[in-house]
Protein backbone atom coordinates (compact mmCIF):
# COMPACT_ATOMS: atom_id res chain seq x y z
CA UNK A 1 -39.44 23.63 28.45
CA UNK A 2 -36.99 21.34 30.25
CA UNK A 3 -38.89 18.27 28.99
CA UNK A 4 -38.72 19.55 25.41
CA UNK A 5 -34.93 20.00 25.69
CA UNK A 6 -34.58 16.41 27.02
CA UNK A 7 -36.63 14.99 24.15
CA UNK A 8 -34.60 16.97 21.58
CA UNK A 9 -31.33 15.78 23.11
CA UNK A 10 -32.58 12.19 23.09
CA UNK A 11 -33.62 12.42 19.44
CA UNK A 12 -30.26 13.93 18.48
CA UNK A 13 -28.35 11.14 20.23
CA UNK A 14 -30.53 8.50 18.60
CA UNK A 15 -29.69 9.90 15.16
CA UNK A 16 -25.94 9.91 15.82
CA UNK A 17 -25.56 6.18 16.49
CA UNK A 18 -21.88 5.39 16.95
CA UNK A 19 -20.30 3.16 14.34
CA UNK A 20 -18.98 -0.24 15.33
CA UNK A 21 -15.24 -0.06 16.01
CA UNK A 22 -13.07 -1.25 13.16
CA UNK A 23 -11.11 -4.35 14.20
CA UNK A 24 -7.43 -3.76 14.78
CA UNK A 25 -5.07 -5.46 12.35
CA UNK A 26 -3.61 -8.72 13.62
CA UNK A 27 -0.05 -8.23 14.88
CA UNK A 28 2.60 -9.74 12.67
CA UNK A 29 5.14 -12.15 14.10
CA UNK A 30 8.70 -10.84 14.03
CA UNK A 31 10.85 -13.86 13.24
CA UNK A 32 14.25 -12.17 13.42
CA UNK A 33 14.79 -12.94 17.14
CA UNK A 34 13.95 -16.61 16.61
CA UNK A 35 15.31 -17.13 13.10
CA UNK A 36 17.08 -20.42 12.59
CA UNK A 37 15.56 -21.91 15.72
CA UNK A 38 13.41 -25.03 15.49
CA UNK A 39 9.77 -24.18 16.20
CA UNK A 40 7.29 -27.02 16.56
CA UNK A 41 3.84 -26.26 15.13
CA UNK A 42 1.16 -28.20 16.97
CA UNK A 43 -1.72 -29.68 15.00
CA UNK A 44 -5.03 -27.88 15.08
CA UNK A 45 -7.57 -29.62 17.29
CA UNK A 46 -10.43 -27.08 17.40
CA UNK A 47 -12.39 -26.12 14.30
CA UNK A 48 -15.83 -24.58 13.96
CA UNK A 49 -17.35 -24.31 10.52
CA UNK A 50 -20.64 -23.76 8.79
CA UNK A 51 -21.92 -26.78 6.93
CA UNK A 52 -21.66 -26.77 3.16
CA UNK A 53 -18.60 -24.56 2.74
CA UNK A 54 -17.30 -25.32 -0.72
CA UNK A 55 -13.86 -26.89 -0.91
CA UNK A 56 -13.88 -28.18 2.68
CA UNK A 57 -13.21 -31.87 3.28
CA UNK A 58 -16.25 -33.81 4.48
CA UNK A 59 -15.04 -35.21 7.82
CA UNK A 60 -13.62 -33.42 10.84
CA UNK A 61 -10.43 -35.51 10.72
CA UNK A 62 -9.88 -34.62 7.07
CA UNK A 63 -10.62 -30.93 7.80
CA UNK A 64 -8.00 -30.84 10.57
CA UNK A 65 -5.35 -32.47 8.36
CA UNK A 66 -6.23 -30.11 5.49
CA UNK A 67 -5.94 -27.03 7.73
CA UNK A 68 -2.64 -28.30 9.17
CA UNK A 69 -1.23 -28.59 5.64
CA UNK A 70 -2.44 -25.08 4.71
CA UNK A 71 -0.93 -23.64 7.90
CA UNK A 72 2.36 -25.44 7.13
CA UNK A 73 2.43 -24.06 3.57
CA UNK A 74 1.70 -20.52 4.76
CA UNK A 75 4.29 -20.58 7.55
CA UNK A 76 6.92 -22.03 5.26
CA UNK A 77 6.22 -19.41 2.58
CA UNK A 78 5.95 -16.41 4.91
CA UNK A 79 8.47 -17.39 7.56
CA UNK A 80 11.37 -19.24 5.95
CA UNK A 81 13.72 -17.80 8.60
CA UNK A 82 12.42 -20.29 11.16
CA UNK A 83 12.92 -24.03 11.10
CA UNK A 84 9.30 -25.14 11.41
CA UNK A 85 8.58 -28.64 12.69
CA UNK A 86 5.11 -29.57 11.46
CA UNK A 87 2.56 -32.06 12.86
CA UNK A 88 3.65 -35.15 10.85
CA UNK A 89 7.19 -34.83 12.24
CA UNK A 90 5.87 -34.09 15.74
CA UNK A 91 3.89 -37.33 15.62
CA UNK A 92 7.09 -39.22 14.73
CA UNK A 93 8.90 -37.49 17.62
CA UNK A 94 6.08 -38.53 19.98
CA UNK A 95 6.34 -42.16 18.81
CA UNK A 96 10.12 -42.17 19.37
CA UNK A 97 9.63 -40.64 22.81
CA UNK A 98 6.64 -42.78 23.82
CA UNK A 99 6.06 -42.44 27.54
CA UNK A 100 7.88 -39.10 27.62
CA UNK A 101 6.21 -37.02 24.91
CA UNK A 102 2.44 -36.96 24.71
CA UNK A 103 0.37 -37.28 21.55
CA UNK A 104 0.57 -33.89 19.77
CA UNK A 105 -3.09 -34.26 18.77
CA UNK A 106 -4.17 -34.52 22.41
CA UNK A 107 -2.11 -31.98 24.34
CA UNK A 108 -5.09 -29.75 25.25
CA UNK A 109 -3.75 -26.96 23.00
CA UNK A 110 -7.26 -25.71 22.17
CA UNK A 111 -7.34 -24.03 25.60
CA UNK A 112 -5.05 -21.37 24.13
CA UNK A 113 -7.94 -20.01 22.03
CA UNK A 114 -9.22 -18.06 25.02
CA UNK A 115 -7.81 -14.51 25.16
CA UNK A 116 -7.84 -14.47 28.97
CA UNK A 117 -5.26 -17.29 29.11
CA UNK A 118 -2.14 -15.27 29.83
CA UNK A 119 0.19 -18.14 30.72
CA UNK A 120 0.28 -21.69 29.37
CA UNK A 121 -1.63 -23.88 31.83
CA UNK A 122 -0.83 -27.44 32.87
CA UNK A 123 -1.07 -30.14 31.59
CA UNK A 124 -0.32 -28.36 28.28
CA UNK A 125 2.85 -26.76 29.67
CA UNK A 126 4.22 -30.12 30.86
CA UNK A 127 3.46 -31.66 27.46
CA UNK A 128 5.19 -28.78 25.67
CA UNK A 129 8.28 -29.02 27.87
CA UNK A 130 8.67 -32.69 26.99
CA UNK A 131 8.15 -31.91 23.31
CA UNK A 132 10.72 -29.11 23.16
CA UNK A 133 13.24 -31.29 24.97
CA UNK A 134 12.91 -33.85 22.16
CA UNK A 135 13.07 -31.23 19.37
CA UNK A 136 15.82 -29.04 20.85
CA UNK A 137 13.54 -26.01 20.70
CA UNK A 138 12.13 -23.40 23.03
CA UNK A 139 9.14 -21.83 21.31
CA UNK A 140 6.04 -23.60 20.04
CA UNK A 141 3.47 -22.27 17.56
CA UNK A 142 -0.08 -23.23 18.46
CA UNK A 143 -2.89 -22.84 15.92
CA UNK A 144 -5.48 -22.88 18.70
CA UNK A 145 -8.71 -22.32 16.77
CA UNK A 146 -10.10 -21.85 13.27
CA UNK A 147 -13.66 -20.70 12.60
CA UNK A 148 -15.04 -20.74 9.04
CA UNK A 149 -18.34 -19.13 8.14
CA UNK A 150 -20.08 -18.36 4.89
CA UNK A 151 -19.93 -14.69 3.92
CA UNK A 152 -21.65 -12.76 1.13
CA UNK A 153 -18.36 -12.58 -0.78
CA UNK A 154 -17.04 -16.09 -0.04
CA UNK A 155 -15.73 -17.58 3.18
CA UNK A 156 -14.75 -15.73 6.34
CA UNK A 157 -11.99 -17.33 8.43
CA UNK A 158 -11.10 -16.34 11.97
CA UNK A 159 -8.06 -17.95 13.55
CA UNK A 160 -6.20 -17.87 16.83
CA UNK A 161 -2.45 -18.33 16.59
CA UNK A 162 -0.26 -18.33 19.68
CA UNK A 163 3.51 -18.51 20.05
CA UNK A 164 4.48 -19.79 23.49
CA UNK A 165 7.73 -20.10 25.39
CA UNK A 166 7.64 -23.71 26.58
CA UNK A 167 10.28 -23.12 29.25
CA UNK A 168 8.53 -20.32 31.11
CA UNK A 169 4.93 -20.72 29.94
CA UNK A 170 4.92 -17.10 28.72
CA UNK A 171 2.99 -16.03 25.64
CA UNK A 172 5.20 -13.62 23.68
CA UNK A 173 2.79 -13.40 20.73
CA UNK A 174 -0.93 -13.95 20.12
CA UNK A 175 -2.87 -13.08 17.00
CA UNK A 176 -6.52 -13.36 16.01
CA UNK A 177 -6.48 -12.67 12.27
CA UNK A 178 -9.67 -12.54 10.21
CA UNK A 179 -9.85 -12.78 6.42
CA UNK A 180 -12.52 -13.22 3.80
CA UNK A 181 -11.84 -14.74 0.39
CA UNK A 182 -13.72 -16.59 -2.37
CA UNK A 183 -12.60 -20.00 -1.03
CA UNK A 184 -11.85 -21.44 2.38
CA UNK A 185 -8.25 -22.24 1.40
CA UNK A 186 -7.55 -18.67 0.25
CA UNK A 187 -9.19 -17.17 3.34
CA UNK A 188 -7.21 -19.42 5.68
CA UNK A 189 -3.94 -18.68 3.88
CA UNK A 190 -4.68 -14.95 4.19
CA UNK A 191 -5.04 -15.24 7.97
CA UNK A 192 -1.61 -16.79 8.53
């Protein structure tokens, strides 16, 4: 009798398989506290994508530049309160400050894609401090990772965006938005 009750309980629990948890919405960035401030936006250095995604540039270098331009367009459109300083200008700042400011494409910013990084590590923090000194800023936006995969209804994009305080190394905002759209450009724009 006890064995029969155990089997019935096991069958009942097998039938009521729990559903996968629905992902939480990505937190929005409140720009009011930092409106008007210059905010450097580092270039993306880490991309993972399926091969053959329509509309994607062919080479990794072209993909990174393309994503940087889409991120710039989205931030400018959705966050006009901030004074964004995008990768082309950061590269010019680095050339003017050669020996002081490191190459914005090689600052090790991809390390920020890991959710267990709770404070900006060195040498990234040292690089960011030099950069913000040259741009008269405090906060830096880091697009740390973009992953593009084919989906049944188009392209799925997952991104990691991190706003860091370059003075203290604190991370006041981190977001991991996910969006699916018919094209890679639309999906990426929807994640920003």
